[in-house]
Amino acid sequence: MTPQPFIKVDIKQQLLHLYNGGLVKSYRICSAKNGLGEQSGSECTPRGQHLIRAKIGQAAPLGSVFVARRLTGEIYHSEWAKAQPNRDWILSRILWLSGVEKGRNRLGSVDTMRRYIYIHGAPDELILEQPSSHGCIRMFNKDIVELYDLIEVSTPVLIE
């Protein structure tokens, strides 16, 4: 029986662990500055069991900018962050999450997918020691590209 990959996000340690029969790799992440929570509009990182609903950005250049899950054709530059300090930069790759626990992170006002919660690349300078995202899981660009290539759609994700 071949082991299946799965992802565990440790919010307390701000780490994402990829397993495939054992620990494959750990990555630094940045979760929501508003903490943990599932409510729509909360800008919190949702807890519980999820899966990768979609992978977006195959072969996009490192630092590619996405708006509404579409490539803009731009490559991020740090001067842009200074000009737009509150913008939620989504770069390089997107792993769109879908909750699987009805009433906790799926359906109604707690639906992770409808909240557009992703694991995605972000400006490297925004991967801080403390949580600072708008609800998503931010990763270094080189790390999200590597993770993207190691997993498939429907890979389980546990956020705790």
C-alpha atoms as a PDB file:
ATOM      1  CA  MET A   1       0.000   0.000   0.000  1.00  0.00           C
ATOM      2  CA  THR A   2       1.506   3.303  -1.125  1.00  0.00           C
ATOM      3  CA  PRO A   3       1.324   6.139   1.433  1.00  0.00           C
ATOM      4  CA  GLN A   4      -0.612   9.235   0.377  1.00  0.00           C
ATOM      5  CA  PRO A   5       0.785  12.723   0.948  1.00  0.00           C
ATOM      6  CA  PHE A   6      -0.906  15.005   3.446  1.00  0.00           C
ATOM      7  CA  ILE A   7      -0.232  18.438   4.891  1.00  0.00           C
ATOM      8  CA  LYS A   8      -0.373  19.506   8.525  1.00  0.00           C
ATOM      9  CA  VAL A   9      -0.288  23.222   9.342  1.00  0.00           C
ATOM     10  CA  ASP A  10       0.940  23.991  12.863  1.00  0.00           C
ATOM     11  CA  ILE A  11      -0.344  27.488  13.617  1.00  0.00           C
ATOM     12  CA  LYS A  12       1.415  27.753  16.978  1.00  0.00           C
ATOM     13  CA  GLN A  13       4.835  27.083  15.432  1.00  0.00           C
ATOM     14  CA  GLN A  14       4.002  28.788  12.091  1.00  0.00           C
ATOM     15  CA  LEU A  15       5.101  25.696  10.162  1.00  0.00           C
ATOM     16  CA  LEU A  16       3.610  23.600   7.381  1.00  0.00           C
ATOM     17  CA  HIS A  17       4.650  19.938   7.381  1.00  0.00           C
ATOM     18  CA  LEU A  18       4.384  17.705   4.320  1.00  0.00           C
ATOM     19  CA  TYR A  19       4.080  13.993   5.056  1.00  0.00           C
ATOM     20  CA  ASN A  20       4.199  11.022   2.717  1.00  0.00           C
ATOM     21  CA  GLY A  21       4.665   7.910   4.850  1.00  0.00           C
ATOM     22  CA  GLY A  22       6.798  10.114   7.116  1.00  0.00           C
ATOM     23  CA  LEU A  23       7.856  13.734   7.329  1.00  0.00           C
ATOM     24  CA  VAL A  24       9.090  14.887   3.909  1.00  0.00           C
ATOM     25  CA  LYS A  25       9.719  18.557   4.643  1.00  0.00           C
ATOM     26  CA  SER A  26       8.726  21.455   6.888  1.00  0.00           C
ATOM     27  CA  TYR A  27       8.201  25.018   5.659  1.00  0.00           C
ATOM     28  CA  ARG A  28       7.877  28.340   7.472  1.00  0.00           C
ATOM     29  CA  ILE A  29       4.479  29.916   6.982  1.00  0.00           C
ATOM     30  CA  CYS A  30       2.531  32.959   8.067  1.00  0.00           C
ATOM     31  CA  SER A  31      -1.107  32.593   9.112  1.00  0.00           C
ATOM     32  CA  ALA A  32      -3.782  35.208   9.884  1.00  0.00           C
ATOM     33  CA  LYS A  33      -3.061  38.214  12.063  1.00  0.00           C
ATOM     34  CA  ASN A  34      -6.648  37.848  13.381  1.00  0.00           C
ATOM     35  CA  GLY A  35      -5.910  34.340  14.650  1.00  0.00           C
ATOM     36  CA  LEU A  36      -7.952  31.206  14.099  1.00  0.00           C
ATOM     37  CA  GLY A  37     -11.610  31.167  13.096  1.00  0.00           C
ATOM     38  CA  GLU A  38     -13.974  30.020  10.419  1.00  0.00           C
ATOM     39  CA  GLN A  39     -16.518  32.846  10.106  1.00  0.00           C
ATOM     40  CA  SER A  40     -16.814  34.577   6.743  1.00  0.00           C
ATOM     41  CA  GLY A  41     -15.398  38.109   6.888  1.00  0.00           C
ATOM     42  CA  SER A  42     -13.283  37.390   9.969  1.00  0.00           C
ATOM     43  CA  GLU A  43      -9.932  37.342   8.135  1.00  0.00           C
ATOM     44  CA  CYS A  44      -9.020  34.399  10.388  1.00  0.00           C
ATOM     45  CA  THR A  45      -7.321  31.157   9.365  1.00  0.00           C
ATOM     46  CA  PRO A  46      -9.859  28.305   9.413  1.00  0.00           C
ATOM     47  CA  ARG A  47      -9.167  25.205  11.495  1.00  0.00           C
ATOM     48  CA  GLY A  48      -9.810  21.553  10.878  1.00  0.00           C
ATOM     49  CA  GLN A  49      -9.741  19.108   7.997  1.00  0.00           C
ATOM     50  CA  HIS A  50      -9.463  20.504   4.485  1.00  0.00           C
ATOM     51  CA  LEU A  51      -8.345  19.335   1.075  1.00  0.00           C
ATOM     52  CA  ILE A  52      -6.651  20.966  -1.870  1.00  0.00           C
ATOM     53  CA  ARG A  53      -9.572  21.886  -4.143  1.00  0.00           C
ATOM     54  CA  ALA A  54      -7.486  23.386  -6.958  1.00  0.00           C
ATOM     55  CA  LYS A  55      -3.889  24.081  -7.908  1.00  0.00           C
ATOM     56  CA  ILE A  56      -3.421  27.364  -9.761  1.00  0.00           C
ATOM     57  CA  GLY A  57      -0.318  28.773 -11.422  1.00  0.00           C
ATOM     58  CA  GLN A  58       1.449  25.816 -13.019  1.00  0.00           C
ATOM     59  CA  ALA A  59       4.664  27.064 -14.682  1.00  0.00           C
ATOM     60  CA  ALA A  60       4.051  30.721 -13.728  1.00  0.00           C
ATOM     61  CA  PRO A  61       7.320  32.584 -13.149  1.00  0.00           C
ATOM     62  CA  LEU A  62       8.484  33.001  -9.553  1.00  0.00           C
ATOM     63  CA  GLY A  63       6.880  36.142  -8.092  1.00  0.00           C
ATOM     64  CA  SER A  64       3.993  36.223 -10.584  1.00  0.00           C
ATOM     65  CA  VAL A  65       1.098  38.329  -9.308  1.00  0.00           C
ATOM     66  CA  PHE A  66      -2.422  36.886  -9.075  1.00  0.00           C
ATOM     67  CA  VAL A  67      -5.669  38.811  -8.684  1.00  0.00           C
ATOM     68  CA  ALA A  68      -8.877  36.796  -8.286  1.00  0.00           C
ATOM     69  CA  ARG A  69      -6.879  33.625  -9.093  1.00  0.00           C
ATOM     70  CA  ARG A  70      -5.788  35.038 -12.468  1.00  0.00           C
ATOM     71  CA  LEU A  71      -2.267  35.954 -13.513  1.00  0.00           C
ATOM     72  CA  THR A  72      -1.889  39.695 -14.098  1.00  0.00           C
ATOM     73  CA  GLY A  73       1.276  39.348 -16.184  1.00  0.00           C
ATOM     74  CA  GLU A  74       3.249  41.256 -13.539  1.00  0.00           C
ATOM     75  CA  ILE A  75       6.220  40.062 -11.498  1.00  0.00           C
ATOM     76  CA  TYR A  76       6.210  41.372  -7.929  1.00  0.00           C
ATOM     77  CA  HIS A  77       8.710  44.037  -6.911  1.00  0.00           C
ATOM     78  CA  SER A  78       9.272  45.130  -3.283  1.00  0.00           C
ATOM     79  CA  GLU A  79       8.685  48.798  -4.187  1.00  0.00           C
ATOM     80  CA  TRP A  80       5.053  47.886  -4.899  1.00  0.00           C
ATOM     81  CA  ALA A  81       4.552  46.738  -1.295  1.00  0.00           C
ATOM     82  CA  LYS A  82       5.733  50.133  -0.045  1.00  0.00           C
ATOM     83  CA  ALA A  83       3.215  51.850  -2.314  1.00  0.00           C
ATOM     84  CA  GLN A  84       0.391  49.436  -1.331  1.00  0.00           C
ATOM     85  CA  PRO A  85       1.129  48.390   2.281  1.00  0.00           C
ATOM     86  CA  ASN A  86      -2.324  46.874   2.946  1.00  0.00           C
ATOM     87  CA  ARG A  87      -2.553  44.822  -0.231  1.00  0.00           C
ATOM     88  CA  ASP A  88      -2.782  41.052   0.233  1.00  0.00           C
ATOM     89  CA  TRP A  89      -0.175  39.930  -2.301  1.00  0.00           C
ATOM     90  CA  ILE A  90      -0.798  36.492  -3.829  1.00  0.00           C
ATOM     91  CA  LEU A  91       2.251  35.311  -5.739  1.00  0.00           C
ATOM     92  CA  SER A  92       3.764  32.368  -7.651  1.00  0.00           C
ATOM     93  CA  ARG A  93       1.233  29.552  -6.904  1.00  0.00           C
ATOM     94  CA  ILE A  94      -2.160  29.049  -5.260  1.00  0.00           C
ATOM     95  CA  LEU A  95      -3.407  25.938  -3.468  1.00  0.00           C
ATOM     96  CA  TRP A  96      -7.128  26.644  -2.950  1.00  0.00           C
ATOM     97  CA  LEU A  97      -8.509  24.969   0.163  1.00  0.00           C
ATOM     98  CA  SER A  98     -11.934  23.446   0.710  1.00  0.00           C
ATOM     99  CA  GLY A  99     -13.206  22.484   4.156  1.00  0.00           C
ATOM    100  CA  VAL A 100     -14.556  18.963   4.627  1.00  0.00           C
ATOM    101  CA  GLU A 101     -16.252  19.375   8.032  1.00  0.00           C
ATOM    102  CA  LYS A 102     -19.897  20.453   7.513  1.00  0.00           C
ATOM    103  CA  GLY A 103     -20.809  23.281   9.857  1.00  0.00           C
ATOM    104  CA  ARG A 104     -17.202  23.856  10.914  1.00  0.00           C
ATOM    105  CA  ASN A 105     -15.379  24.816   7.708  1.00  0.00           C
ATOM    106  CA  ARG A 106     -17.778  23.753   4.966  1.00  0.00           C
ATOM    107  CA  LEU A 107     -21.075  25.299   3.824  1.00  0.00           C
ATOM    108  CA  GLY A 108     -22.907  28.348   5.144  1.00  0.00           C
ATOM    109  CA  SER A 109     -21.010  31.245   6.705  1.00  0.00           C
ATOM    110  CA  VAL A 110     -17.981  29.082   7.583  1.00  0.00           C
ATOM    111  CA  ASP A 111     -17.136  27.740   4.111  1.00  0.00           C
ATOM    112  CA  THR A 112     -13.361  27.816   3.582  1.00  0.00           C
ATOM    113  CA  MET A 113     -13.633  27.576  -0.209  1.00  0.00           C
ATOM    114  CA  ARG A 114     -16.176  30.422  -0.481  1.00  0.00           C
ATOM    115  CA  ARG A 115     -13.913  32.483   1.790  1.00  0.00           C
ATOM    116  CA  TYR A 116     -11.146  32.050  -0.830  1.00  0.00           C
ATOM    117  CA  ILE A 117      -8.662  30.635   1.670  1.00  0.00           C
ATOM    118  CA  TYR A 118      -5.423  29.543   0.001  1.00  0.00           C
ATOM    119  CA  ILE A 119      -1.948  28.358   0.695  1.00  0.00           C
ATOM    120  CA  HIS A 120      -0.030  30.777  -1.531  1.00  0.00           C
ATOM    121  CA  GLY A 121       3.217  32.525  -2.205  1.00  0.00           C
ATOM    122  CA  ALA A 122       3.719  35.990  -0.763  1.00  0.00           C
ATOM    123  CA  PRO A 123       6.466  38.606  -0.719  1.00  0.00           C
ATOM    124  CA  ASP A 124       9.273  36.986   1.231  1.00  0.00           C
ATOM    125  CA  GLU A 125       9.471  40.018   3.550  1.00  0.00           C
ATOM    126  CA  LEU A 126       5.847  39.307   4.641  1.00  0.00           C
ATOM    127  CA  ILE A 127       6.658  35.818   5.964  1.00  0.00           C
ATOM    128  CA  LEU A 128       7.065  37.114   9.494  1.00  0.00           C
ATOM    129  CA  GLU A 129       7.672  35.400  12.815  1.00  0.00           C
ATOM    130  CA  GLN A 130       4.177  36.416  13.930  1.00  0.00           C
ATOM    131  CA  PRO A 131       0.925  35.836  12.011  1.00  0.00           C
ATOM    132  CA  SER A 132       0.078  38.697   9.644  1.00  0.00           C
ATOM    133  CA  SER A 133      -2.015  37.379   6.727  1.00  0.00           C
ATOM    134  CA  HIS A 134      -5.657  38.143   5.895  1.00  0.00           C
ATOM    135  CA  GLY A 135      -6.717  34.525   6.584  1.00  0.00           C
ATOM    136  CA  CYS A 136      -4.651  32.506   4.123  1.00  0.00           C
ATOM    137  CA  ILE A 137      -1.446  30.566   4.724  1.00  0.00           C
ATOM    138  CA  ARG A 138       1.454  32.529   3.220  1.00  0.00           C
ATOM    139  CA  MET A 139       4.666  30.834   2.148  1.00  0.00           C
ATOM    140  CA  PHE A 140       8.002  31.878   0.690  1.00  0.00           C
ATOM    141  CA  ASN A 141       7.741  31.816  -3.111  1.00  0.00           C
ATOM    142  CA  LYS A 142      10.398  29.152  -3.663  1.00  0.00           C
ATOM    143  CA  ASP A 143       8.701  26.990  -1.015  1.00  0.00           C
ATOM    144  CA  ILE A 144       5.180  27.213  -2.473  1.00  0.00           C
ATOM    145  CA  VAL A 145       6.548  26.284  -5.905  1.00  0.00           C
ATOM    146  CA  GLU A 146       8.269  23.233  -4.406  1.00  0.00           C
ATOM    147  CA  LEU A 147       5.179  22.192  -2.406  1.00  0.00           C
ATOM    148  CA  TYR A 148       2.911  22.723  -5.435  1.00  0.00           C
ATOM    149  CA  ASP A 149       4.977  20.215  -7.416  1.00  0.00           C
ATOM    150  CA  LEU A 150       4.927  17.623  -4.601  1.00  0.00           C
ATOM    151  CA  ILE A 151       1.169  17.407  -4.026  1.00  0.00           C
ATOM    152  CA  GLU A 152      -1.995  16.803  -6.033  1.00  0.00           C
ATOM    153  CA  VAL A 153      -5.547  18.123  -6.028  1.00  0.00           C
ATOM    154  CA  SER A 154      -7.466  16.467  -3.155  1.00  0.00           C
ATOM    155  CA  THR A 155      -4.396  16.221  -0.880  1.00  0.00           C
ATOM    156  CA  PRO A 156      -5.678  16.363   2.732  1.00  0.00           C
ATOM    157  CA  VAL A 157      -4.729  19.419   4.802  1.00  0.00           C
ATOM    158  CA  LEU A 158      -5.127  19.654   8.587  1.00  0.00           C
ATOM    159  CA  ILE A 159      -4.926  23.125  10.130  1.00  0.00           C
ATOM    160  CA  GLU A 160      -4.530  23.164  13.913  1.00  0.00           C
END
